[in-house]
Amino acid sequence: MQTDELERTLRPSLGDRITSVEAFPDTAGRVRFRREAALDVFRSVHALGFHHLSTVGGIDWVDHREVFYILWSDDTRQYVVLSTDVPASDAHVESATPVWPSANWHERETWELVDITFDHHPDLRHLLTPDGYAFHPLLRSFKLHEPEELEVKARHV
């Protein structure tokens, strides 16, 4: 599937809910969409045969955040990339778990590290950091603490 074919297939049902379909190296293309249309886009892309969700991730661009999804189709043997921007002050998007249950842990990790909330996620809780950990280590605003001196004890055997 070529990028123009991907756009011709998705545009009639999704219209302006898709902001662009761009060529993206070694994929069928990158579909950028409005975050309000997330579930519609997920369902439409799934119906095209992209049944395997490989990755969900987030990027902190300081003034906004980007959520991206990488999907695989066994039928066309291609990847497609979906992405949407969310404001840093209101960083949330609908969960992809109703369409791809494998999004569960990916979304938990993205929430935990980049502070993007996935609405209606079935189990949005800490995965990598301790419960109650209030920081999001992959935000550009995250400040590392000064290194602490560690006492290293040598063992003589």
C-alpha atoms as a PDB file:
ATOM      1  CA  MET A   1       0.000   0.000   0.000  1.00  0.00           C
ATOM      2  CA  GLN A   2       1.371   3.388  -1.008  1.00  0.00           C
ATOM      3  CA  THR A   3       0.835   6.612   0.941  1.00  0.00           C
ATOM      4  CA  ASP A   4      -1.577   8.044  -1.651  1.00  0.00           C
ATOM      5  CA  GLU A   5      -3.608   4.814  -1.615  1.00  0.00           C
ATOM      6  CA  LEU A   6      -3.727   4.953   2.197  1.00  0.00           C
ATOM      7  CA  GLU A   7      -5.096   8.496   2.036  1.00  0.00           C
ATOM      8  CA  ARG A   8      -7.642   7.640  -0.695  1.00  0.00           C
ATOM      9  CA  THR A   9      -8.887   4.763   1.462  1.00  0.00           C
ATOM     10  CA  LEU A  10      -9.161   6.674   4.762  1.00  0.00           C
ATOM     11  CA  ARG A  11     -10.193  10.166   3.634  1.00  0.00           C
ATOM     12  CA  PRO A  12     -13.799   9.367   2.544  1.00  0.00           C
ATOM     13  CA  SER A  13     -14.814   7.988   5.944  1.00  0.00           C
ATOM     14  CA  LEU A  14     -12.660  10.211   8.161  1.00  0.00           C
ATOM     15  CA  GLY A  15     -12.601  13.494   6.246  1.00  0.00           C
ATOM     16  CA  ASP A  16     -11.004  16.383   8.138  1.00  0.00           C
ATOM     17  CA  ARG A  17     -10.485  14.225  11.228  1.00  0.00           C
ATOM     18  CA  ILE A  18      -7.252  13.330   9.453  1.00  0.00           C
ATOM     19  CA  THR A  19      -4.969  16.359   9.288  1.00  0.00           C
ATOM     20  CA  SER A  20      -2.481  14.779   6.877  1.00  0.00           C
ATOM     21  CA  VAL A  21      -1.192  11.565   5.382  1.00  0.00           C
ATOM     22  CA  GLU A  22       2.530  11.787   4.746  1.00  0.00           C
ATOM     23  CA  ALA A  23       5.177   9.553   3.272  1.00  0.00           C
ATOM     24  CA  PHE A  24       7.248   8.017   6.057  1.00  0.00           C
ATOM     25  CA  PRO A  25      10.358   5.922   5.378  1.00  0.00           C
ATOM     26  CA  ASP A  26       9.783   2.158   5.102  1.00  0.00           C
ATOM     27  CA  THR A  27       6.056   2.377   5.948  1.00  0.00           C
ATOM     28  CA  ALA A  28       2.717   2.771   4.188  1.00  0.00           C
ATOM     29  CA  GLY A  29       2.772   6.317   5.573  1.00  0.00           C
ATOM     30  CA  ARG A  30       2.131   8.449   8.620  1.00  0.00           C
ATOM     31  CA  VAL A  31      -1.458   9.434   9.375  1.00  0.00           C
ATOM     32  CA  ARG A  32      -1.751  12.537  11.513  1.00  0.00           C
ATOM     33  CA  PHE A  33      -5.185  12.949  13.110  1.00  0.00           C
ATOM     34  CA  ARG A  34      -7.173  15.171  15.453  1.00  0.00           C
ATOM     35  CA  ARG A  35      -7.165  13.701  18.938  1.00  0.00           C
ATOM     36  CA  GLU A  36     -10.984  13.873  19.200  1.00  0.00           C
ATOM     37  CA  ALA A  37     -11.154  11.369  16.334  1.00  0.00           C
ATOM     38  CA  ALA A  38      -8.764   8.834  17.860  1.00  0.00           C
ATOM     39  CA  LEU A  39     -11.196   5.908  18.158  1.00  0.00           C
ATOM     40  CA  ASP A  40     -12.597   6.456  14.656  1.00  0.00           C
ATOM     41  CA  VAL A  41      -9.081   6.516  13.212  1.00  0.00           C
ATOM     42  CA  PHE A  42      -8.068   3.407  15.184  1.00  0.00           C
ATOM     43  CA  ARG A  43     -11.105   1.479  13.960  1.00  0.00           C
ATOM     44  CA  SER A  44     -10.616   2.561  10.342  1.00  0.00           C
ATOM     45  CA  VAL A  45      -6.942   1.619  10.287  1.00  0.00           C
ATOM     46  CA  HIS A  46      -7.684  -1.694  12.014  1.00  0.00           C
ATOM     47  CA  ALA A  47     -10.291  -2.432   9.321  1.00  0.00           C
ATOM     48  CA  LEU A  48      -7.526  -2.003   6.702  1.00  0.00           C
ATOM     49  CA  GLY A  49      -5.741  -5.007   8.207  1.00  0.00           C
ATOM     50  CA  PHE A  50      -3.371  -3.295  10.633  1.00  0.00           C
ATOM     51  CA  HIS A  51      -4.169  -5.735  13.413  1.00  0.00           C
ATOM     52  CA  HIS A  52      -0.885  -5.686  15.312  1.00  0.00           C
ATOM     53  CA  LEU A  53      -0.034  -2.678  17.458  1.00  0.00           C
ATOM     54  CA  SER A  54       3.752  -2.676  17.897  1.00  0.00           C
ATOM     55  CA  THR A  55       4.314   0.500  19.887  1.00  0.00           C
ATOM     56  CA  VAL A  56       2.620   3.453  21.531  1.00  0.00           C
ATOM     57  CA  GLY A  57       4.863   6.282  22.629  1.00  0.00           C
ATOM     58  CA  GLY A  58       4.974   9.935  23.446  1.00  0.00           C
ATOM     59  CA  ILE A  59       7.279  12.869  22.774  1.00  0.00           C
ATOM     60  CA  ASP A  60       7.476  16.039  24.832  1.00  0.00           C
ATOM     61  CA  TRP A  61       7.976  18.974  22.448  1.00  0.00           C
ATOM     62  CA  VAL A  62       7.747  21.402  25.432  1.00  0.00           C
ATOM     63  CA  ASP A  63       4.752  23.428  24.121  1.00  0.00           C
ATOM     64  CA  HIS A  64       2.820  20.273  23.190  1.00  0.00           C
ATOM     65  CA  ARG A  65       3.162  16.521  23.259  1.00  0.00           C
ATOM     66  CA  GLU A  66       2.854  14.019  20.457  1.00  0.00           C
ATOM     67  CA  VAL A  67       1.400  10.533  20.790  1.00  0.00           C
ATOM     68  CA  PHE A  68       2.369   8.005  18.141  1.00  0.00           C
ATOM     69  CA  TYR A  69       1.252   4.479  17.321  1.00  0.00           C
ATOM     70  CA  ILE A  70       3.134   2.015  15.116  1.00  0.00           C
ATOM     71  CA  LEU A  71       0.983  -0.704  13.555  1.00  0.00           C
ATOM     72  CA  TRP A  72       1.748  -3.758  11.419  1.00  0.00           C
ATOM     73  CA  SER A  73      -0.337  -5.481   8.762  1.00  0.00           C
ATOM     74  CA  ASP A  74       0.356  -9.137   8.040  1.00  0.00           C
ATOM     75  CA  ASP A  75      -1.699  -8.794   4.838  1.00  0.00           C
ATOM     76  CA  THR A  76       0.363  -6.000   3.264  1.00  0.00           C
ATOM     77  CA  ARG A  77       3.529  -6.705   5.281  1.00  0.00           C
ATOM     78  CA  GLN A  78       3.838  -3.013   6.087  1.00  0.00           C
ATOM     79  CA  TYR A  79       3.869  -0.660   9.010  1.00  0.00           C
ATOM     80  CA  VAL A  80       1.762   2.445   9.334  1.00  0.00           C
ATOM     81  CA  VAL A  81       2.390   5.253  11.823  1.00  0.00           C
ATOM     82  CA  LEU A  82      -0.445   7.180  13.450  1.00  0.00           C
ATOM     83  CA  SER A  83       0.190  10.356  15.407  1.00  0.00           C
ATOM     84  CA  THR A  84      -1.642  13.195  17.078  1.00  0.00           C
ATOM     85  CA  ASP A  85      -0.638  16.294  18.983  1.00  0.00           C
ATOM     86  CA  VAL A  86      -2.033  17.086  22.425  1.00  0.00           C
ATOM     87  CA  PRO A  87      -1.567  20.361  24.330  1.00  0.00           C
ATOM     88  CA  ALA A  88       0.953  20.129  27.171  1.00  0.00           C
ATOM     89  CA  SER A  89      -1.619  21.721  29.483  1.00  0.00           C
ATOM     90  CA  ASP A  90      -4.300  19.133  28.584  1.00  0.00           C
ATOM     91  CA  ALA A  91      -2.336  16.054  27.550  1.00  0.00           C
ATOM     92  CA  HIS A  92      -4.894  13.321  26.993  1.00  0.00           C
ATOM     93  CA  VAL A  93      -6.253  11.166  24.186  1.00  0.00           C
ATOM     94  CA  GLU A  94      -8.660   8.237  23.976  1.00  0.00           C
ATOM     95  CA  SER A  95      -7.192   4.819  24.773  1.00  0.00           C
ATOM     96  CA  ALA A  96      -6.505   2.428  21.890  1.00  0.00           C
ATOM     97  CA  THR A  97      -7.165  -0.641  24.085  1.00  0.00           C
ATOM     98  CA  PRO A  98     -10.726  -1.245  22.762  1.00  0.00           C
ATOM     99  CA  VAL A  99      -9.236  -1.767  19.282  1.00  0.00           C
ATOM    100  CA  TRP A 100      -5.812  -3.180  20.180  1.00  0.00           C
ATOM    101  CA  PRO A 101      -5.711  -4.738  23.678  1.00  0.00           C
ATOM    102  CA  SER A 102      -1.907  -4.777  23.410  1.00  0.00           C
ATOM    103  CA  ALA A 103      -1.975  -0.977  23.834  1.00  0.00           C
ATOM    104  CA  ASN A 104      -2.559  -1.527  27.557  1.00  0.00           C
ATOM    105  CA  TRP A 105       1.042  -1.626  28.768  1.00  0.00           C
ATOM    106  CA  HIS A 106       2.329   0.762  26.080  1.00  0.00           C
ATOM    107  CA  GLU A 107      -0.163   3.409  27.187  1.00  0.00           C
ATOM    108  CA  ARG A 108       0.664   2.836  30.845  1.00  0.00           C
ATOM    109  CA  GLU A 109       4.349   3.376  30.095  1.00  0.00           C
ATOM    110  CA  THR A 110       3.650   6.503  28.021  1.00  0.00           C
ATOM    111  CA  TRP A 111       1.436   7.949  30.770  1.00  0.00           C
ATOM    112  CA  GLU A 112       4.032   7.192  33.409  1.00  0.00           C
ATOM    113  CA  LEU A 113       7.059   8.566  31.560  1.00  0.00           C
ATOM    114  CA  VAL A 114       5.632  11.379  29.393  1.00  0.00           C
ATOM    115  CA  ASP A 115       2.456  12.343  31.339  1.00  0.00           C
ATOM    116  CA  ILE A 116      -0.076  11.694  28.577  1.00  0.00           C
ATOM    117  CA  THR A 117      -3.366  10.377  29.946  1.00  0.00           C
ATOM    118  CA  PHE A 118      -5.306   7.788  27.960  1.00  0.00           C
ATOM    119  CA  ASP A 119      -9.027   8.302  28.547  1.00  0.00           C
ATOM    120  CA  HIS A 120     -11.037   5.174  29.409  1.00  0.00           C
ATOM    121  CA  HIS A 121      -7.896   3.086  29.825  1.00  0.00           C
ATOM    122  CA  PRO A 122      -8.863  -0.084  31.733  1.00  0.00           C
ATOM    123  CA  ASP A 123      -5.933  -0.019  34.194  1.00  0.00           C
ATOM    124  CA  LEU A 124      -3.898   3.212  34.104  1.00  0.00           C
ATOM    125  CA  ARG A 125      -1.443   2.667  36.931  1.00  0.00           C
ATOM    126  CA  HIS A 126       2.309   2.659  37.428  1.00  0.00           C
ATOM    127  CA  LEU A 127       4.252   0.048  35.522  1.00  0.00           C
ATOM    128  CA  LEU A 128       7.909   1.081  35.807  1.00  0.00           C
ATOM    129  CA  THR A 129       8.059   3.480  38.738  1.00  0.00           C
ATOM    130  CA  PRO A 130       6.829   3.007  42.301  1.00  0.00           C
ATOM    131  CA  ASP A 131       3.183   3.702  43.182  1.00  0.00           C
ATOM    132  CA  GLY A 132       2.808   7.321  44.192  1.00  0.00           C
ATOM    133  CA  TYR A 133       5.821   8.451  42.139  1.00  0.00           C
ATOM    134  CA  ALA A 134       4.827  11.949  41.068  1.00  0.00           C
ATOM    135  CA  PHE A 135       7.407  12.650  38.377  1.00  0.00           C
ATOM    136  CA  HIS A 136       7.454  11.902  34.651  1.00  0.00           C
ATOM    137  CA  PRO A 137      11.110  11.230  33.784  1.00  0.00           C
ATOM    138  CA  LEU A 138      10.896  11.760  30.002  1.00  0.00           C
ATOM    139  CA  LEU A 139       9.433  15.267  30.243  1.00  0.00           C
ATOM    140  CA  ARG A 140      11.933  17.908  29.263  1.00  0.00           C
ATOM    141  CA  SER A 141      11.029  19.782  32.431  1.00  0.00           C
ATOM    142  CA  PHE A 142      12.176  16.833  34.561  1.00  0.00           C
ATOM    143  CA  LYS A 143      15.292  17.832  36.493  1.00  0.00           C
ATOM    144  CA  LEU A 144      17.774  15.249  37.558  1.00  0.00           C
ATOM    145  CA  HIS A 145      18.888  15.400  41.152  1.00  0.00           C
ATOM    146  CA  GLU A 146      22.502  15.970  42.049  1.00  0.00           C
ATOM    147  CA  PRO A 147      24.422  12.728  42.165  1.00  0.00           C
ATOM    148  CA  GLU A 148      24.517  11.208  45.583  1.00  0.00           C
ATOM    149  CA  GLU A 149      27.646   9.784  47.037  1.00  0.00           C
ATOM    150  CA  LEU A 150      27.356   6.069  47.425  1.00  0.00           C
ATOM    151  CA  GLU A 151      29.384   4.102  49.886  1.00  0.00           C
ATOM    152  CA  VAL A 152      30.801   1.131  48.086  1.00  0.00           C
ATOM    153  CA  LYS A 153      31.784  -1.728  50.318  1.00  0.00           C
ATOM    154  CA  ALA A 154      34.343  -4.144  49.013  1.00  0.00           C
ATOM    155  CA  ARG A 155      34.001  -7.776  49.841  1.00  0.00           C
ATOM    156  CA  HIS A 156      37.115  -9.793  50.305  1.00  0.00           C
ATOM    157  CA  VAL A 157      36.633 -13.421  49.470  1.00  0.00           C
END
